Amino acid sequence: MSAYRSTSVWIEQALACLAEAVERMPDDRFLAEHLAAHNEPRSPSVDMVATVLEREWWRRFPEGRDE
């Protein structure tokens, strides 16, 4: 397997683990993590994590939040 393919598999597994952990987070912790991701400077790795958090955001709050 090429280094590219190995790295891709590792990233996919890591994001799947993150998604599972995020799904189990209580709302207050989730909101803190979501805000922290938005406050970070943009980078490819932060963007991948932010995508997982955004997907969970819209799953939990499909109508958005009033806050």
C-alpha atoms as a PDB file:
ATOM      1  CA  MET A   1       0.000   0.000   0.000  1.00  0.00           C
ATOM      2  CA  SER A   2       1.321   3.434  -0.850  1.00  0.00           C
ATOM      3  CA  ALA A   3       2.077   6.031   1.800  1.00  0.00           C
ATOM      4  CA  TYR A   4      -0.752   8.166   0.395  1.00  0.00           C
ATOM      5  CA  ARG A   5      -3.268   5.341   0.758  1.00  0.00           C
ATOM      6  CA  SER A   6      -2.084   4.435   4.269  1.00  0.00           C
ATOM      7  CA  THR A   7      -2.375   8.045   5.353  1.00  0.00           C
ATOM      8  CA  SER A   8      -5.848   8.359   3.841  1.00  0.00           C
ATOM      9  CA  VAL A   9      -7.046   5.274   5.708  1.00  0.00           C
ATOM     10  CA  TRP A  10      -5.569   6.589   8.965  1.00  0.00           C
ATOM     11  CA  ILE A  11      -7.270   9.974   8.526  1.00  0.00           C
ATOM     12  CA  GLU A  12     -10.632   8.332   7.753  1.00  0.00           C
ATOM     13  CA  GLN A  13     -10.358   6.153  10.868  1.00  0.00           C
ATOM     14  CA  ALA A  14      -9.385   9.125  13.026  1.00  0.00           C
ATOM     15  CA  LEU A  15     -12.326  11.195  11.758  1.00  0.00           C
ATOM     16  CA  ALA A  16     -14.696   8.266  12.362  1.00  0.00           C
ATOM     17  CA  CYS A  17     -13.446   8.033  15.971  1.00  0.00           C
ATOM     18  CA  LEU A  18     -13.907  11.777  16.371  1.00  0.00           C
ATOM     19  CA  ALA A  19     -17.439  11.600  14.964  1.00  0.00           C
ATOM     20  CA  GLU A  20     -18.340   8.851  17.436  1.00  0.00           C
ATOM     21  CA  ALA A  21     -16.915  10.850  20.356  1.00  0.00           C
ATOM     22  CA  VAL A  22     -18.694  14.022  19.231  1.00  0.00           C
ATOM     23  CA  GLU A  23     -22.025  12.187  19.020  1.00  0.00           C
ATOM     24  CA  ARG A  24     -21.645  11.183  22.681  1.00  0.00           C
ATOM     25  CA  MET A  25     -20.648  14.639  23.971  1.00  0.00           C
ATOM     26  CA  PRO A  26     -23.110  16.534  26.140  1.00  0.00           C
ATOM     27  CA  ASP A  27     -24.384  19.700  24.459  1.00  0.00           C
ATOM     28  CA  ASP A  28     -22.305  22.111  26.564  1.00  0.00           C
ATOM     29  CA  ARG A  29     -19.035  20.331  25.768  1.00  0.00           C
ATOM     30  CA  PHE A  30     -20.000  19.951  22.118  1.00  0.00           C
ATOM     31  CA  LEU A  31     -20.752  23.672  21.840  1.00  0.00           C
ATOM     32  CA  ALA A  32     -17.377  24.526  23.420  1.00  0.00           C
ATOM     33  CA  GLU A  33     -15.550  22.244  20.954  1.00  0.00           C
ATOM     34  CA  HIS A  34     -17.542  23.655  18.039  1.00  0.00           C
ATOM     35  CA  LEU A  35     -16.646  27.226  19.043  1.00  0.00           C
ATOM     36  CA  ALA A  36     -12.982  26.298  19.514  1.00  0.00           C
ATOM     37  CA  ALA A  37     -12.838  24.894  15.975  1.00  0.00           C
ATOM     38  CA  HIS A  38     -14.311  28.126  14.604  1.00  0.00           C
ATOM     39  CA  ASN A  39     -11.738  30.184  16.502  1.00  0.00           C
ATOM     40  CA  GLU A  40      -8.737  28.253  15.153  1.00  0.00           C
ATOM     41  CA  PRO A  41      -6.796  29.535  12.160  1.00  0.00           C
ATOM     42  CA  ARG A  42      -7.807  27.669   9.000  1.00  0.00           C
ATOM     43  CA  SER A  43      -5.758  24.646   7.965  1.00  0.00           C
ATOM     44  CA  PRO A  44      -6.563  21.413   6.137  1.00  0.00           C
ATOM     45  CA  SER A  45      -6.577  19.401   9.370  1.00  0.00           C
ATOM     46  CA  VAL A  46      -8.738  21.917  11.246  1.00  0.00           C
ATOM     47  CA  ASP A  47     -11.125  21.996   8.291  1.00  0.00           C
ATOM     48  CA  MET A  48     -11.552  18.205   8.425  1.00  0.00           C
ATOM     49  CA  VAL A  49     -12.330  18.319  12.153  1.00  0.00           C
ATOM     50  CA  ALA A  50     -14.627  21.305  11.672  1.00  0.00           C
ATOM     51  CA  THR A  51     -16.559  19.353   9.041  1.00  0.00           C
ATOM     52  CA  VAL A  52     -17.291  16.616  11.583  1.00  0.00           C
ATOM     53  CA  LEU A  53     -18.415  19.224  14.120  1.00  0.00           C
ATOM     54  CA  GLU A  54     -20.586  21.044  11.566  1.00  0.00           C
ATOM     55  CA  ARG A  55     -22.307  17.816  10.555  1.00  0.00           C
ATOM     56  CA  GLU A  56     -23.089  17.123  14.216  1.00  0.00           C
ATOM     57  CA  TRP A  57     -24.228  20.733  14.742  1.00  0.00           C
ATOM     58  CA  TRP A  58     -26.907  20.421  12.064  1.00  0.00           C
ATOM     59  CA  ARG A  59     -27.901  16.956  13.290  1.00  0.00           C
ATOM     60  CA  ARG A  60     -28.476  18.310  16.814  1.00  0.00           C
ATOM     61  CA  PHE A  61     -29.870  21.700  15.884  1.00  0.00           C
ATOM     62  CA  PRO A  62     -31.558  21.375  12.464  1.00  0.00           C
ATOM     63  CA  GLU A  63     -33.351  24.702  12.925  1.00  0.00           C
ATOM     64  CA  GLY A  64     -30.245  26.456  14.256  1.00  0.00           C
ATOM     65  CA  ARG A  65     -30.021  27.952  17.729  1.00  0.00           C
ATOM     66  CA  ASP A  66     -31.491  31.139  19.160  1.00  0.00           C
ATOM     67  CA  GLU A  67     -28.359  31.930  21.187  1.00  0.00           C
END
